């Protein structure tokens, strides 16, 4: 997924997704100069974020 796709998926502003990525709060990796995200990593991250809220 691209930064644009992950932003839409998480319903975040692209700048917010980019900031979270730079702060290493979102699981991502670089391909050349572009950030990429695995949907499975994002889904795991969401699950981890929501586990303490039950």
C-alpha atoms as a PDB file:
ATOM      1  CA  UNK A   1       0.000   0.000   0.000  1.00  0.00           C
ATOM      2  CA  UNK A   2       1.151   3.560  -0.625  1.00  0.00           C
ATOM      3  CA  UNK A   3       0.928   6.419   1.863  1.00  0.00           C
ATOM      4  CA  UNK A   4      -2.208   7.597   0.037  1.00  0.00           C
ATOM      5  CA  UNK A   5      -3.817   4.139   0.248  1.00  0.00           C
ATOM      6  CA  UNK A   6      -2.945   3.606   3.915  1.00  0.00           C
ATOM      7  CA  UNK A   7      -4.264   7.098   4.729  1.00  0.00           C
ATOM      8  CA  UNK A   8      -7.582   6.269   3.092  1.00  0.00           C
ATOM      9  CA  UNK A   9      -7.689   2.845   4.764  1.00  0.00           C
ATOM     10  CA  UNK A  10      -7.102   4.356   8.218  1.00  0.00           C
ATOM     11  CA  UNK A  11      -9.179   7.467   7.452  1.00  0.00           C
ATOM     12  CA  UNK A  12      -6.229   9.725   8.267  1.00  0.00           C
ATOM     13  CA  UNK A  13      -4.865  12.812   6.627  1.00  0.00           C
ATOM     14  CA  UNK A  14      -1.819  11.912   4.505  1.00  0.00           C
ATOM     15  CA  UNK A  15       0.362  14.247   6.595  1.00  0.00           C
ATOM     16  CA  UNK A  16      -0.702  12.428   9.769  1.00  0.00           C
ATOM     17  CA  UNK A  17       0.089   9.019   8.255  1.00  0.00           C
ATOM     18  CA  UNK A  18       3.459  10.325   7.078  1.00  0.00           C
ATOM     19  CA  UNK A  19       4.233  11.735  10.540  1.00  0.00           C
ATOM     20  CA  UNK A  20       3.286   8.455  12.249  1.00  0.00           C
ATOM     21  CA  UNK A  21       5.492   6.612   9.769  1.00  0.00           C
ATOM     22  CA  UNK A  22       8.479   8.865  10.446  1.00  0.00           C
ATOM     23  CA  UNK A  23       7.915   8.444  14.196  1.00  0.00           C
ATOM     24  CA  UNK A  24       7.981   4.647  13.596  1.00  0.00           C
ATOM     25  CA  UNK A  25       4.471   4.313  14.987  1.00  0.00           C
ATOM     26  CA  UNK A  26       3.135   2.797  11.749  1.00  0.00           C
ATOM     27  CA  UNK A  27       4.837  -0.313  10.343  1.00  0.00           C
ATOM     28  CA  UNK A  28       6.357   0.647   6.990  1.00  0.00           C
ATOM     29  CA  UNK A  29       9.347   0.135   4.728  1.00  0.00           C
ATOM     30  CA  UNK A  30      10.935   2.160   1.967  1.00  0.00           C
ATOM     31  CA  UNK A  31      11.108   1.265  -1.703  1.00  0.00           C
ATOM     32  CA  UNK A  32      13.465   3.808  -3.205  1.00  0.00           C
ATOM     33  CA  UNK A  33      12.208   7.152  -1.941  1.00  0.00           C
ATOM     34  CA  UNK A  34       8.625   5.957  -1.320  1.00  0.00           C
ATOM     35  CA  UNK A  35       7.080   4.495   1.811  1.00  0.00           C
ATOM     36  CA  UNK A  36       5.153   1.238   1.448  1.00  0.00           C
ATOM     37  CA  UNK A  37       2.889  -0.610   3.874  1.00  0.00           C
ATOM     38  CA  UNK A  38       1.786  -4.241   4.023  1.00  0.00           C
ATOM     39  CA  UNK A  39      -1.943  -4.494   4.667  1.00  0.00           C
ATOM     40  CA  UNK A  40      -1.351  -7.437   7.015  1.00  0.00           C
ATOM     41  CA  UNK A  41       1.091  -5.317   9.083  1.00  0.00           C
ATOM     42  CA  UNK A  42      -1.410  -2.461   9.241  1.00  0.00           C
ATOM     43  CA  UNK A  43      -4.203  -4.842  10.282  1.00  0.00           C
ATOM     44  CA  UNK A  44      -1.957  -6.271  13.038  1.00  0.00           C
ATOM     45  CA  UNK A  45      -1.085  -2.734  14.150  1.00  0.00           C
ATOM     46  CA  UNK A  46      -4.806  -1.859  14.365  1.00  0.00           C
ATOM     47  CA  UNK A  47      -5.493  -4.995  16.396  1.00  0.00           C
ATOM     48  CA  UNK A  48      -2.639  -4.158  18.758  1.00  0.00           C
ATOM     49  CA  UNK A  49      -3.866  -0.554  19.162  1.00  0.00           C
ATOM     50  CA  UNK A  50      -7.397  -1.657  20.049  1.00  0.00           C
ATOM     51  CA  UNK A  51      -6.543  -4.556  22.407  1.00  0.00           C
ATOM     52  CA  UNK A  52      -6.265  -2.320  25.477  1.00  0.00           C
ATOM     53  CA  UNK A  53      -9.610  -0.611  24.799  1.00  0.00           C
ATOM     54  CA  UNK A  54     -11.878  -3.591  25.492  1.00  0.00           C
END
